[in-house]
Amino acid sequence: MDKSDLIMLLLPVFLIQLILMATALTYLYRASSVRGKKWVWVLVIIFVNIIGPILFFAFGRKEN
C-alpha cells in the first residue's frame, strides 16, 4: 500500500470526522441547555475524534 492508497482510504474518515465535529459544535453553540457543562462537551467533541461527536449526540443533548 503506497501513500496515495492510504490517503484515499483515510480521506472519507477524515471528512466524516470534520462534518460530525462541525455539526456537534454548531448544535452545542445553539443549544440553550445540555447535559453537563458546555466546555466539557467542547473538549470531548474536539479531542475524542470520531467518537466524541457521537457521544454528544447520544448523551449530551437534552430532550425538548
N, C-alpha and C. Protein backbone atom coordinates (compact mmCIF):
# COMPACT_ATOMS: atom_id res chain seq x y z
N MET A 1 0.85 -1.17 0.00
CA MET A 1 0.00 0.00 0.00
C MET A 1 0.90 1.24 0.00
N ASP A 2 0.74 2.06 -1.00
CA ASP A 2 1.56 3.26 -1.07
C ASP A 2 0.80 4.45 -0.48
N LYS A 3 1.43 5.61 -0.52
CA LYS A 3 0.88 6.81 0.09
C LYS A 3 -0.48 7.20 -0.46
N SER A 4 -0.65 7.15 -1.76
CA SER A 4 -1.91 7.57 -2.36
C SER A 4 -3.06 6.64 -1.97
N ASP A 5 -2.78 5.35 -1.83
CA ASP A 5 -3.80 4.41 -1.37
C ASP A 5 -4.22 4.72 0.06
N LEU A 6 -3.25 5.02 0.89
CA LEU A 6 -3.53 5.36 2.28
C LEU A 6 -4.36 6.63 2.39
N ILE A 7 -4.02 7.62 1.60
CA ILE A 7 -4.77 8.89 1.60
C ILE A 7 -6.20 8.65 1.15
N MET A 8 -6.38 7.87 0.10
CA MET A 8 -7.73 7.59 -0.39
C MET A 8 -8.54 6.78 0.62
N LEU A 9 -7.88 5.99 1.43
CA LEU A 9 -8.56 5.21 2.45
C LEU A 9 -8.97 6.08 3.63
N LEU A 10 -8.11 7.01 4.03
CA LEU A 10 -8.37 7.82 5.21
C LEU A 10 -9.17 9.09 4.93
N LEU A 11 -9.23 9.53 3.71
CA LEU A 11 -9.94 10.76 3.37
C LEU A 11 -11.42 10.73 3.75
N PRO A 12 -12.17 9.67 3.44
CA PRO A 12 -13.58 9.65 3.86
C PRO A 12 -13.76 9.69 5.37
N VAL A 13 -12.90 9.01 6.11
CA VAL A 13 -12.97 9.03 7.57
C VAL A 13 -12.71 10.43 8.09
N PHE A 14 -11.73 11.10 7.54
CA PHE A 14 -11.40 12.47 7.94
C PHE A 14 -12.57 13.41 7.64
N LEU A 15 -13.18 13.27 6.48
CA LEU A 15 -14.32 14.13 6.13
C LEU A 15 -15.52 13.88 7.03
N ILE A 16 -15.78 12.62 7.34
CA ILE A 16 -16.88 12.31 8.27
C ILE A 16 -16.60 12.92 9.63
N GLN A 17 -15.36 12.83 10.10
CA GLN A 17 -14.97 13.43 11.38
C GLN A 17 -15.22 14.93 11.38
N LEU A 18 -14.80 15.61 10.33
CA LEU A 18 -14.99 17.07 10.26
C LEU A 18 -16.47 17.45 10.23
N ILE A 19 -17.26 16.71 9.48
CA ILE A 19 -18.69 17.01 9.39
C ILE A 19 -19.37 16.77 10.74
N LEU A 20 -19.06 15.65 11.39
CA LEU A 20 -19.63 15.37 12.70
C LEU A 20 -19.23 16.42 13.73
N MET A 21 -17.95 16.80 13.73
CA MET A 21 -17.46 17.79 14.67
C MET A 21 -18.14 19.14 14.45
N ALA A 22 -18.22 19.58 13.22
CA ALA A 22 -18.85 20.87 12.92
C ALA A 22 -20.32 20.86 13.29
N THR A 23 -21.01 19.76 13.00
CA THR A 23 -22.43 19.66 13.34
C THR A 23 -22.64 19.66 14.85
N ALA A 24 -21.84 18.90 15.56
CA ALA A 24 -21.97 18.83 17.02
C ALA A 24 -21.64 20.17 17.67
N LEU A 25 -20.58 20.83 17.22
CA LEU A 25 -20.22 22.13 17.80
C LEU A 25 -21.27 23.19 17.49
N THR A 26 -21.84 23.15 16.30
CA THR A 26 -22.90 24.10 15.95
C THR A 26 -24.14 23.86 16.81
N TYR A 27 -24.52 22.61 16.97
CA TYR A 27 -25.67 22.29 17.82
C TYR A 27 -25.41 22.73 19.25
N LEU A 28 -24.22 22.44 19.75
CA LEU A 28 -23.86 22.81 21.12
C LEU A 28 -23.89 24.32 21.31
N TYR A 29 -23.40 25.07 20.36
CA TYR A 29 -23.40 26.53 20.44
C TYR A 29 -24.82 27.08 20.50
N ARG A 30 -25.72 26.49 19.72
CA ARG A 30 -27.09 26.99 19.64
C ARG A 30 -28.00 26.48 20.75
N ALA A 31 -27.62 25.41 21.42
CA ALA A 31 -28.47 24.80 22.45
C ALA A 31 -28.51 25.69 23.69
N SER A 32 -29.71 25.86 24.22
CA SER A 32 -29.85 26.67 25.43
C SER A 32 -29.37 25.89 26.66
N SER A 33 -29.54 24.57 26.65
CA SER A 33 -29.03 23.77 27.76
C SER A 33 -28.69 22.37 27.24
N VAL A 34 -27.71 21.78 27.88
CA VAL A 34 -27.27 20.43 27.55
C VAL A 34 -27.01 19.69 28.85
N ARG A 35 -26.86 18.39 28.77
CA ARG A 35 -26.49 17.62 29.96
C ARG A 35 -25.01 17.84 30.23
N GLY A 36 -24.69 18.34 31.38
CA GLY A 36 -23.31 18.62 31.72
C GLY A 36 -22.92 20.03 31.29
N LYS A 37 -21.66 20.33 31.45
CA LYS A 37 -21.15 21.66 31.11
C LYS A 37 -20.77 21.71 29.63
N LYS A 38 -21.04 22.86 29.01
CA LYS A 38 -20.75 23.01 27.58
C LYS A 38 -19.26 22.90 27.29
N TRP A 39 -18.41 23.47 28.14
CA TRP A 39 -16.98 23.44 27.87
C TRP A 39 -16.44 22.02 27.89
N VAL A 40 -17.03 21.16 28.72
CA VAL A 40 -16.60 19.76 28.76
C VAL A 40 -16.98 19.07 27.44
N TRP A 41 -18.18 19.36 26.94
CA TRP A 41 -18.61 18.77 25.67
C TRP A 41 -17.76 19.27 24.51
N VAL A 42 -17.33 20.52 24.56
CA VAL A 42 -16.44 21.03 23.51
C VAL A 42 -15.14 20.22 23.48
N LEU A 43 -14.58 19.98 24.66
CA LEU A 43 -13.35 19.18 24.73
C LEU A 43 -13.57 17.76 24.24
N VAL A 44 -14.68 17.15 24.63
CA VAL A 44 -14.97 15.78 24.19
C VAL A 44 -15.14 15.74 22.67
N ILE A 45 -15.90 16.68 22.13
CA ILE A 45 -16.17 16.70 20.69
C ILE A 45 -14.87 16.87 19.90
N ILE A 46 -13.99 17.74 20.37
CA ILE A 46 -12.77 18.04 19.62
C ILE A 46 -11.69 16.96 19.81
N PHE A 47 -11.51 16.48 21.03
CA PHE A 47 -10.35 15.63 21.31
C PHE A 47 -10.62 14.13 21.32
N VAL A 48 -11.86 13.70 21.24
CA VAL A 48 -12.13 12.27 21.26
C VAL A 48 -12.43 11.77 19.85
N ASN A 49 -11.91 12.46 18.88
CA ASN A 49 -12.02 12.11 17.47
C ASN A 49 -13.44 11.78 17.05
N ILE A 50 -13.64 10.75 16.29
CA ILE A 50 -14.95 10.48 15.70
C ILE A 50 -15.98 10.06 16.74
N ILE A 51 -15.54 9.54 17.87
CA ILE A 51 -16.47 9.09 18.91
C ILE A 51 -17.02 10.26 19.72
N GLY A 52 -16.27 11.34 19.88
CA GLY A 52 -16.72 12.50 20.67
C GLY A 52 -18.04 13.09 20.21
N PRO A 53 -18.18 13.44 18.93
CA PRO A 53 -19.46 13.97 18.47
C PRO A 53 -20.60 12.97 18.61
N ILE A 54 -20.31 11.69 18.39
CA ILE A 54 -21.35 10.67 18.55
C ILE A 54 -21.78 10.58 20.01
N LEU A 55 -20.83 10.65 20.94
CA LEU A 55 -21.17 10.65 22.36
C LEU A 55 -22.04 11.85 22.71
N PHE A 56 -21.71 13.02 22.16
CA PHE A 56 -22.51 14.20 22.44
C PHE A 56 -23.94 14.02 21.96
N PHE A 57 -24.12 13.57 20.73
CA PHE A 57 -25.47 13.40 20.20
C PHE A 57 -26.24 12.31 20.96
N ALA A 58 -25.54 11.30 21.47
CA ALA A 58 -26.21 10.22 22.19
C ALA A 58 -26.54 10.59 23.64
N PHE A 59 -25.63 11.31 24.31
CA PHE A 59 -25.79 11.54 25.74
C PHE A 59 -25.85 13.00 26.16
N GLY A 60 -25.36 13.91 25.35
CA GLY A 60 -25.24 15.31 25.77
C GLY A 60 -26.46 16.16 25.54
N ARG A 61 -27.24 15.83 24.52
CA ARG A 61 -28.41 16.65 24.20
C ARG A 61 -29.52 16.40 25.20
N LYS A 62 -30.22 17.46 25.55
CA LYS A 62 -31.41 17.32 26.39
C LYS A 62 -32.62 17.19 25.49
N GLU A 63 -33.54 16.36 25.91
CA GLU A 63 -34.79 16.20 25.16
C GLU A 63 -35.66 17.42 25.39
N ASN A 64 -36.31 17.89 24.35
CA ASN A 64 -37.19 19.05 24.48
C ASN A 64 -38.58 18.64 24.88
